[in-house]
Amino acid sequence: MPNRTKQYTSFAIRHRISLFVPPANLTATPELHTLLPADVAMHSTRLPLIDGEVRERLAAYATKYEYCVASFGTFPIDAYYTGVTGATYPLGP
C-alpha cells in the first residue's frame, strides 16, 4: 500500500484550503487530501450535528458555512470547500 502521508513544512505550503464536512462523512477528507498537490495543505472542520431528514439537514448545512469559516479564526485559508456529498441522495437511484 502506498504511503499517502504528506509532510508539510511552513516553507513548502503554497496554499491552504479548508473543507467543511458533515459529522458522519468519513471519506471526503482523506479522499481530497490524496488528490491535492504536496504544496497545498488541507484543514478540515465538521459542520454541526443537525437532526432531521436528509433534505432538512442539507438545507440547514448551507446556513452553517459562516460558522465553519469563523471556526478558523485568523488562520489564513485561501479557499473553502464543502464535502456534502449527500446532496444527491434525494434524487434516488
N, C-alpha and C. Protein backbone atom coordinates (compact mmCIF):
# COMPACT_ATOMS: atom_id res chain seq x y z
N MET A 1 0.85 -1.17 0.00
CA MET A 1 0.00 0.00 0.00
C MET A 1 0.90 1.25 0.00
N PRO A 2 0.63 2.20 -0.89
CA PRO A 2 1.49 3.39 -0.95
C PRO A 2 1.32 4.27 0.28
N ASN A 3 2.40 4.94 0.63
CA ASN A 3 2.37 5.88 1.75
C ASN A 3 1.76 7.18 1.26
N ARG A 4 0.60 7.54 1.77
CA ARG A 4 -0.09 8.75 1.34
C ARG A 4 0.08 9.90 2.32
N THR A 5 0.98 9.74 3.27
CA THR A 5 1.21 10.78 4.24
C THR A 5 2.01 11.90 3.60
N LYS A 6 1.54 13.11 3.73
CA LYS A 6 2.25 14.26 3.19
C LYS A 6 3.00 14.94 4.32
N GLN A 7 4.21 15.33 4.05
CA GLN A 7 5.00 16.06 5.03
C GLN A 7 4.99 17.52 4.65
N TYR A 8 4.51 18.37 5.55
CA TYR A 8 4.44 19.80 5.28
C TYR A 8 5.50 20.54 6.07
N THR A 9 6.06 21.54 5.45
CA THR A 9 6.89 22.50 6.17
C THR A 9 6.32 23.87 5.87
N SER A 10 6.54 24.81 6.74
CA SER A 10 5.95 26.13 6.52
C SER A 10 6.45 26.78 5.24
N PHE A 11 7.62 26.38 4.76
CA PHE A 11 8.18 26.98 3.55
C PHE A 11 7.62 26.33 2.27
N ALA A 12 7.11 25.13 2.40
CA ALA A 12 6.65 24.39 1.23
C ALA A 12 5.18 24.62 0.90
N ILE A 13 4.43 25.24 1.79
CA ILE A 13 2.99 25.43 1.59
C ILE A 13 2.74 26.64 0.71
N ARG A 14 2.10 26.40 -0.42
CA ARG A 14 1.74 27.47 -1.34
C ARG A 14 0.33 27.97 -1.07
N HIS A 15 -0.57 27.05 -0.74
CA HIS A 15 -1.97 27.40 -0.46
C HIS A 15 -2.49 26.56 0.70
N ARG A 16 -3.47 27.12 1.39
CA ARG A 16 -4.17 26.41 2.45
C ARG A 16 -5.65 26.43 2.12
N ILE A 17 -6.26 25.25 2.12
CA ILE A 17 -7.69 25.17 1.85
C ILE A 17 -8.39 24.56 3.06
N SER A 18 -9.68 24.82 3.13
CA SER A 18 -10.49 24.26 4.20
C SER A 18 -11.61 23.44 3.59
N LEU A 19 -11.94 22.36 4.25
CA LEU A 19 -13.04 21.50 3.82
C LEU A 19 -14.05 21.41 4.97
N PHE A 20 -15.31 21.70 4.67
CA PHE A 20 -16.40 21.55 5.63
C PHE A 20 -17.09 20.22 5.32
N VAL A 21 -17.22 19.36 6.31
CA VAL A 21 -17.89 18.08 6.08
C VAL A 21 -18.91 17.81 7.18
N PRO A 22 -19.99 17.10 6.84
CA PRO A 22 -20.96 16.70 7.86
C PRO A 22 -20.30 15.74 8.86
N PRO A 23 -20.84 15.65 10.06
CA PRO A 23 -20.24 14.80 11.09
C PRO A 23 -20.05 13.34 10.68
N ALA A 24 -20.95 12.79 9.89
CA ALA A 24 -20.86 11.37 9.53
C ALA A 24 -20.05 11.10 8.27
N ASN A 25 -19.54 12.13 7.61
CA ASN A 25 -18.77 11.92 6.38
C ASN A 25 -17.33 11.61 6.74
N LEU A 26 -16.95 10.36 6.61
CA LEU A 26 -15.60 9.93 6.98
C LEU A 26 -14.68 9.78 5.78
N THR A 27 -15.19 9.96 4.57
CA THR A 27 -14.37 9.70 3.40
C THR A 27 -13.89 10.95 2.66
N ALA A 28 -14.63 12.04 2.73
CA ALA A 28 -14.27 13.22 1.93
C ALA A 28 -12.89 13.76 2.28
N THR A 29 -12.55 13.83 3.55
CA THR A 29 -11.27 14.41 3.95
C THR A 29 -10.08 13.61 3.41
N PRO A 30 -9.99 12.30 3.65
CA PRO A 30 -8.84 11.57 3.12
C PRO A 30 -8.82 11.50 1.59
N GLU A 31 -10.00 11.44 0.96
CA GLU A 31 -10.03 11.40 -0.50
C GLU A 31 -9.49 12.70 -1.10
N LEU A 32 -9.95 13.83 -0.62
CA LEU A 32 -9.47 15.10 -1.15
C LEU A 32 -8.00 15.30 -0.82
N HIS A 33 -7.60 14.93 0.37
CA HIS A 33 -6.19 15.07 0.77
C HIS A 33 -5.28 14.33 -0.20
N THR A 34 -5.69 13.14 -0.62
CA THR A 34 -4.90 12.35 -1.56
C THR A 34 -4.80 13.03 -2.93
N LEU A 35 -5.82 13.74 -3.33
CA LEU A 35 -5.83 14.38 -4.65
C LEU A 35 -5.05 15.70 -4.71
N LEU A 36 -4.79 16.30 -3.57
CA LEU A 36 -4.14 17.61 -3.57
C LEU A 36 -2.64 17.51 -3.83
N PRO A 37 -2.08 18.53 -4.49
CA PRO A 37 -0.63 18.56 -4.66
C PRO A 37 0.06 18.72 -3.30
N ALA A 38 1.31 18.37 -3.23
CA ALA A 38 2.05 18.39 -1.97
C ALA A 38 2.18 19.78 -1.37
N ASP A 39 2.07 20.83 -2.19
CA ASP A 39 2.25 22.18 -1.65
C ASP A 39 0.93 22.85 -1.27
N VAL A 40 -0.14 22.06 -1.20
CA VAL A 40 -1.43 22.57 -0.75
C VAL A 40 -1.82 21.82 0.53
N ALA A 41 -1.96 22.57 1.60
CA ALA A 41 -2.34 21.97 2.89
C ALA A 41 -3.86 22.07 3.06
N MET A 42 -4.45 21.00 3.57
CA MET A 42 -5.89 21.00 3.79
C MET A 42 -6.18 20.94 5.28
N HIS A 43 -7.11 21.77 5.70
CA HIS A 43 -7.55 21.83 7.09
C HIS A 43 -9.06 21.64 7.07
N SER A 44 -9.53 20.63 7.76
CA SER A 44 -10.97 20.35 7.71
C SER A 44 -11.64 20.67 9.04
N THR A 45 -12.93 20.91 8.94
CA THR A 45 -13.75 21.14 10.12
C THR A 45 -15.10 20.47 9.86
N ARG A 46 -15.77 20.13 10.92
CA ARG A 46 -17.08 19.47 10.81
C ARG A 46 -18.21 20.48 10.88
N LEU A 47 -19.19 20.28 10.03
CA LEU A 47 -20.44 21.03 10.18
C LEU A 47 -21.11 20.53 11.46
N PRO A 48 -21.92 21.36 12.08
CA PRO A 48 -22.57 20.92 13.32
C PRO A 48 -23.57 19.78 13.07
N LEU A 49 -23.78 18.99 14.08
CA LEU A 49 -24.75 17.90 14.00
C LEU A 49 -26.15 18.49 13.94
N ILE A 50 -26.91 18.09 12.93
CA ILE A 50 -28.26 18.61 12.71
C ILE A 50 -29.22 17.44 12.60
N ASP A 51 -30.28 17.47 13.38
CA ASP A 51 -31.29 16.41 13.33
C ASP A 51 -32.23 16.64 12.15
N GLY A 52 -32.89 15.58 11.73
CA GLY A 52 -33.89 15.69 10.68
C GLY A 52 -33.59 14.79 9.50
N GLU A 53 -34.49 14.86 8.54
CA GLU A 53 -34.33 14.08 7.31
C GLU A 53 -33.24 14.71 6.43
N VAL A 54 -32.81 13.97 5.42
CA VAL A 54 -31.71 14.42 4.56
C VAL A 54 -31.96 15.81 3.98
N ARG A 55 -33.13 16.04 3.41
CA ARG A 55 -33.42 17.36 2.81
C ARG A 55 -33.32 18.49 3.83
N GLU A 56 -33.82 18.24 5.03
CA GLU A 56 -33.76 19.27 6.09
C GLU A 56 -32.32 19.55 6.50
N ARG A 57 -31.52 18.49 6.63
CA ARG A 57 -30.12 18.67 7.01
C ARG A 57 -29.35 19.41 5.93
N LEU A 58 -29.59 19.06 4.68
CA LEU A 58 -28.89 19.72 3.58
C LEU A 58 -29.20 21.22 3.56
N ALA A 59 -30.45 21.57 3.75
CA ALA A 59 -30.83 22.99 3.77
C ALA A 59 -30.20 23.70 4.96
N ALA A 60 -30.14 23.03 6.09
CA ALA A 60 -29.57 23.64 7.29
C ALA A 60 -28.05 23.79 7.18
N TYR A 61 -27.37 22.87 6.51
CA TYR A 61 -25.91 22.98 6.36
C TYR A 61 -25.53 24.29 5.69
N ALA A 62 -26.29 24.68 4.70
CA ALA A 62 -25.97 25.93 3.97
C ALA A 62 -26.00 27.15 4.88
N THR A 63 -26.73 27.07 5.97
CA THR A 63 -26.79 28.20 6.91
C THR A 63 -25.65 28.16 7.93
N LYS A 64 -24.83 27.12 7.89
CA LYS A 64 -23.76 26.93 8.87
C LYS A 64 -22.36 27.20 8.31
N TYR A 65 -22.27 27.61 7.06
CA TYR A 65 -20.94 27.82 6.46
C TYR A 65 -20.19 28.95 7.15
N GLU A 66 -20.87 30.02 7.52
CA GLU A 66 -20.20 31.11 8.23
C GLU A 66 -19.64 30.63 9.57
N TYR A 67 -20.38 29.76 10.22
CA TYR A 67 -19.92 29.16 11.48
C TYR A 67 -18.60 28.42 11.24
N CYS A 68 -18.52 27.66 10.15
CA CYS A 68 -17.30 26.90 9.84
C CYS A 68 -16.13 27.83 9.52
N VAL A 69 -16.38 28.87 8.74
CA VAL A 69 -15.33 29.83 8.43
C VAL A 69 -14.82 30.47 9.72
N ALA A 70 -15.72 30.86 10.58
CA ALA A 70 -15.34 31.51 11.83
C ALA A 70 -14.54 30.58 12.74
N SER A 71 -14.73 29.28 12.60
CA SER A 71 -14.01 28.33 13.46
C SER A 71 -12.50 28.36 13.24
N PHE A 72 -12.05 28.93 12.13
CA PHE A 72 -10.62 29.04 11.85
C PHE A 72 -10.01 30.32 12.41
N GLY A 73 -10.85 31.20 12.92
CA GLY A 73 -10.34 32.45 13.50
C GLY A 73 -9.54 33.23 12.47
N THR A 74 -8.32 33.61 12.82
CA THR A 74 -7.48 34.40 11.91
C THR A 74 -6.52 33.53 11.11
N PHE A 75 -6.67 32.21 11.22
CA PHE A 75 -5.81 31.30 10.46
C PHE A 75 -6.00 31.57 8.97
N PRO A 76 -4.93 31.73 8.20
CA PRO A 76 -5.06 32.10 6.78
C PRO A 76 -5.48 30.93 5.89
N ILE A 77 -6.70 31.00 5.38
CA ILE A 77 -7.23 30.00 4.46
C ILE A 77 -7.43 30.67 3.11
N ASP A 78 -6.97 30.03 2.04
CA ASP A 78 -7.10 30.60 0.69
C ASP A 78 -8.43 30.26 0.03
N ALA A 79 -8.99 29.10 0.35
CA ALA A 79 -10.24 28.69 -0.29
C ALA A 79 -10.99 27.75 0.65
N TYR A 80 -12.31 27.81 0.57
CA TYR A 80 -13.17 26.96 1.40
C TYR A 80 -13.99 26.06 0.48
N TYR A 81 -14.10 24.79 0.86
CA TYR A 81 -14.86 23.82 0.09
C TYR A 81 -15.82 23.09 1.01
N THR A 82 -16.91 22.60 0.44
CA THR A 82 -17.84 21.77 1.21
C THR A 82 -17.78 20.35 0.69
N GLY A 83 -17.82 19.40 1.60
CA GLY A 83 -17.83 18.00 1.23
C GLY A 83 -19.16 17.37 1.59
N VAL A 84 -20.22 17.98 1.16
CA VAL A 84 -21.57 17.49 1.46
C VAL A 84 -22.03 16.64 0.28
N THR A 85 -21.59 15.39 0.28
CA THR A 85 -21.90 14.51 -0.84
C THR A 85 -23.34 13.99 -0.81
N GLY A 86 -24.00 14.12 0.34
CA GLY A 86 -25.38 13.67 0.46
C GLY A 86 -26.37 14.49 -0.33
N ALA A 87 -25.91 15.55 -0.98
CA ALA A 87 -26.82 16.40 -1.75
C ALA A 87 -27.50 15.63 -2.88
N THR A 88 -26.92 14.53 -3.31
CA THR A 88 -27.52 13.73 -4.39
C THR A 88 -28.50 12.68 -3.87
N TYR A 89 -28.52 12.41 -2.58
CA TYR A 89 -29.39 11.36 -2.03
C TYR A 89 -30.87 11.55 -2.34
N PRO A 90 -31.41 12.79 -2.24
CA PRO A 90 -32.84 12.95 -2.54
C PRO A 90 -33.21 12.61 -3.98
N LEU A 91 -32.23 12.54 -4.88
CA LEU A 91 -32.53 12.22 -6.28
C LEU A 91 -32.92 10.76 -6.46
N GLY A 92 -32.48 9.90 -5.52
CA GLY A 92 -32.81 8.48 -5.60
C GLY A 92 -31.89 7.75 -6.57
N PRO A 93 -32.09 6.43 -6.71
CA PRO A 93 -31.23 5.62 -7.57
C PRO A 93 -31.46 5.90 -9.05
